[in-house]
Amino acid sequence: MALDLQPLGVQPPRPRARWLAPLSIALASLITILPVVATVPFLPPFGLLMLLGWRLLRPDALRVWVAAPLGLFDDLVSGQPFGSAMFLWMACMLIIDVLETRIVWRNFWQDWLIAAGATGFVLIAGRFIASPISAKVDAALLVQAGASSMLFPLASRLCAWLDRDVVKA
């Protein structure tokens, strides 16, 4: 078994997740520009799901502040009010950081519960930001929140697949 030692003063190579995580989140946010005709909004926020997948899978892959520019990109692409995803995604990242200091060990079920709560929070807060209180969109919002929470394992698995180490023998 060989040890991989780094000489002093030499930086280790940057992990692939440093550039791959923001790129995959931005590409997931671009899914909203696909022409899907629907009477109710049922598509989950794919960019948020990928952000949560990367954050819960590899906390060192993303810095906390990266949620603001990625949320800005999502706001520009999705048509939400300017700054709403920036604020809400940043709040999710900060809440997950606080939870990470409190919860010593996590398993997949806890990650799924955290992601479901975060997507529910973002969708409900986005509803209050983007639409008037008298709008009748609560049933569609519940469908979208349910679809988001059910698709988180797929997003998490995609993040794990993108983060795999390619070892050539």
Protein backbone atom coordinates (compact mmCIF):
# COMPACT_ATOMS: atom_id res chain seq x y z
CA MET A 1 0.00 0.00 0.00
CA ALA A 2 1.66 3.20 -1.18
CA LEU A 3 1.23 6.47 0.65
CA ASP A 4 0.40 9.55 -1.35
CA LEU A 5 2.58 12.15 0.32
CA GLN A 6 2.69 15.78 -0.77
CA PRO A 7 5.95 17.70 -0.37
CA LEU A 8 5.78 20.83 1.75
CA GLY A 9 4.83 23.91 -0.20
CA VAL A 10 3.23 21.96 -3.05
CA GLN A 11 -0.52 22.29 -3.31
CA PRO A 12 -2.47 19.10 -3.98
CA PRO A 13 -4.39 19.08 -7.24
CA ARG A 14 -7.82 20.66 -7.07
CA PRO A 15 -10.58 18.10 -6.86
CA ARG A 16 -12.83 17.80 -9.85
CA ALA A 17 -15.83 18.69 -7.69
CA ARG A 18 -14.60 22.29 -7.30
CA TRP A 19 -15.56 23.17 -10.86
CA LEU A 20 -17.95 20.32 -11.59
CA ALA A 21 -20.40 21.14 -8.79
CA PRO A 22 -21.20 24.73 -9.87
CA LEU A 23 -21.30 23.67 -13.51
CA SER A 24 -23.77 20.85 -12.84
CA ILE A 25 -25.95 23.16 -10.72
CA ALA A 26 -26.02 25.77 -13.50
CA LEU A 27 -26.87 23.11 -16.08
CA ALA A 28 -29.64 21.79 -13.83
CA SER A 29 -31.04 25.33 -13.56
CA LEU A 30 -31.13 25.48 -17.35
CA ILE A 31 -33.68 22.64 -17.44
CA THR A 32 -36.38 25.24 -16.75
CA ILE A 33 -35.94 26.73 -20.23
CA LEU A 34 -37.07 23.51 -21.90
CA PRO A 35 -40.46 24.00 -23.56
CA VAL A 36 -42.75 21.95 -21.31
CA VAL A 37 -46.44 22.77 -21.70
CA ALA A 38 -48.33 22.33 -18.44
CA THR A 39 -51.31 23.95 -16.81
CA VAL A 40 -49.77 23.73 -13.34
CA PRO A 41 -46.10 24.11 -12.40
CA PHE A 42 -45.03 20.60 -11.49
CA LEU A 43 -41.33 20.72 -12.41
CA PRO A 44 -39.14 20.83 -9.33
CA PRO A 45 -36.33 23.35 -8.98
CA PHE A 46 -33.59 21.15 -10.44
CA GLY A 47 -30.84 23.66 -9.70
CA LEU A 48 -31.78 23.70 -6.03
CA LEU A 49 -31.93 19.91 -5.92
CA MET A 50 -28.42 19.69 -7.37
CA LEU A 51 -27.17 22.34 -4.95
CA LEU A 52 -28.59 20.39 -2.03
CA GLY A 53 -27.26 17.14 -3.45
CA TRP A 54 -23.72 18.49 -3.69
CA ARG A 55 -23.90 20.24 -0.32
CA LEU A 56 -25.16 17.19 1.53
CA LEU A 57 -22.95 14.71 -0.33
CA ARG A 58 -19.67 16.65 -0.27
CA PRO A 59 -19.66 19.68 2.02
CA ASP A 60 -16.15 20.63 0.88
CA ALA A 61 -17.14 20.85 -2.80
CA LEU A 62 -18.98 24.16 -2.41
CA ARG A 63 -18.31 27.20 -0.32
CA VAL A 64 -21.27 28.75 1.46
CA TRP A 65 -21.20 31.96 -0.59
CA VAL A 66 -21.47 30.11 -3.93
CA ALA A 67 -25.24 29.82 -3.43
CA ALA A 68 -25.63 33.56 -4.14
CA PRO A 69 -24.21 33.61 -7.71
CA LEU A 70 -25.84 30.28 -8.53
CA GLY A 71 -29.15 31.60 -7.21
CA LEU A 72 -28.69 34.74 -9.32
CA PHE A 73 -28.17 32.55 -12.39
CA ASP A 74 -31.30 30.58 -11.50
CA ASP A 75 -33.27 33.81 -11.07
CA LEU A 76 -32.18 35.02 -14.49
CA VAL A 77 -33.02 31.73 -16.19
CA SER A 78 -36.24 30.77 -14.41
CA GLY A 79 -37.93 34.16 -14.40
CA GLN A 80 -38.45 34.35 -10.65
CA PRO A 81 -38.25 37.79 -9.03
CA PHE A 82 -34.68 39.04 -9.05
CA GLY A 83 -32.83 38.01 -5.91
CA SER A 84 -35.37 35.52 -4.58
CA ALA A 85 -33.34 32.38 -5.32
CA MET A 86 -30.18 34.20 -4.23
CA PHE A 87 -31.66 34.86 -0.82
CA LEU A 88 -33.49 31.56 -0.39
CA TRP A 89 -30.63 29.34 -1.59
CA MET A 90 -28.21 31.24 0.66
CA ALA A 91 -30.60 30.76 3.59
CA CYS A 92 -30.73 27.01 2.85
CA MET A 93 -26.95 26.78 2.79
CA LEU A 94 -26.66 28.62 6.09
CA ILE A 95 -29.35 26.47 7.72
CA ILE A 96 -27.60 23.31 6.51
CA ASP A 97 -24.32 24.64 7.97
CA VAL A 98 -26.01 25.18 11.33
CA LEU A 99 -27.56 21.71 11.20
CA GLU A 100 -24.19 20.22 10.33
CA THR A 101 -22.68 21.64 13.50
CA ARG A 102 -25.53 20.17 15.56
CA ILE A 103 -25.89 16.75 13.94
CA VAL A 104 -22.73 14.73 14.35
CA TRP A 105 -23.59 11.80 12.06
CA ARG A 106 -26.04 11.82 9.21
CA ASN A 107 -27.38 9.07 7.02
CA PHE A 108 -29.24 9.24 3.73
CA TRP A 109 -32.66 9.44 5.33
CA GLN A 110 -31.67 12.52 7.31
CA ASP A 111 -30.20 14.08 4.18
CA TRP A 112 -33.45 13.36 2.36
CA LEU A 113 -35.45 14.96 5.17
CA ILE A 114 -33.17 18.02 5.19
CA ALA A 115 -33.47 18.36 1.41
CA ALA A 116 -37.26 17.94 1.50
CA GLY A 117 -37.52 20.63 4.16
CA ALA A 118 -35.21 22.95 2.24
CA THR A 119 -37.08 22.55 -1.05
CA GLY A 120 -40.40 22.99 0.72
CA PHE A 121 -39.09 26.14 2.39
CA VAL A 122 -37.82 27.56 -0.90
CA LEU A 123 -41.02 26.75 -2.80
CA ILE A 124 -43.33 28.17 -0.12
CA ALA A 125 -41.23 31.30 0.39
CA GLY A 126 -40.95 31.72 -3.38
CA ARG A 127 -44.74 31.50 -3.63
CA PHE A 128 -45.11 34.37 -1.16
CA ILE A 129 -42.47 36.41 -3.00
CA ALA A 130 -43.66 35.80 -6.56
CA SER A 131 -47.44 35.65 -6.33
CA PRO A 132 -50.15 37.51 -4.42
CA ILE A 133 -51.67 35.95 -1.33
CA SER A 134 -55.07 35.55 -3.03
CA ALA A 135 -53.62 33.37 -5.83
CA LYS A 136 -54.96 29.82 -5.87
CA VAL A 137 -51.67 27.98 -6.36
CA ASP A 138 -51.41 26.05 -3.12
CA ALA A 139 -52.44 22.66 -4.55
CA ALA A 140 -49.96 23.01 -7.42
CA LEU A 141 -47.30 24.02 -4.92
CA LEU A 142 -47.92 20.84 -2.91
CA VAL A 143 -47.54 18.74 -6.08
CA GLN A 144 -44.32 20.55 -6.93
CA ALA A 145 -42.96 20.12 -3.39
CA GLY A 146 -43.84 16.42 -3.42
CA ALA A 147 -42.16 15.93 -6.80
CA SER A 148 -39.10 17.79 -5.55
CA SER A 149 -38.77 15.68 -2.45
CA MET A 150 -39.23 12.47 -4.45
CA LEU A 151 -36.57 13.48 -6.98
CA PHE A 152 -33.88 14.33 -4.41
CA PRO A 153 -32.46 10.76 -4.32
CA LEU A 154 -32.01 10.93 -8.08
CA ALA A 155 -30.21 14.28 -7.81
CA SER A 156 -28.06 12.95 -4.98
CA ARG A 157 -27.18 9.86 -7.00
CA LEU A 158 -26.31 12.04 -10.00
CA CYS A 159 -24.00 14.13 -7.81
CA ALA A 160 -22.33 10.97 -6.50
CA TRP A 161 -21.92 9.67 -10.05
CA LEU A 162 -20.37 12.96 -11.19
CA ASP A 163 -18.06 12.93 -8.17
CA ARG A 164 -16.73 9.44 -8.77
CA ASP A 165 -12.98 9.06 -8.93
CA VAL A 166 -11.81 7.75 -12.24
CA VAL A 167 -8.87 5.46 -11.55
CA LYS A 168 -7.05 4.03 -14.53
CA ALA A 169 -5.36 0.71 -13.80
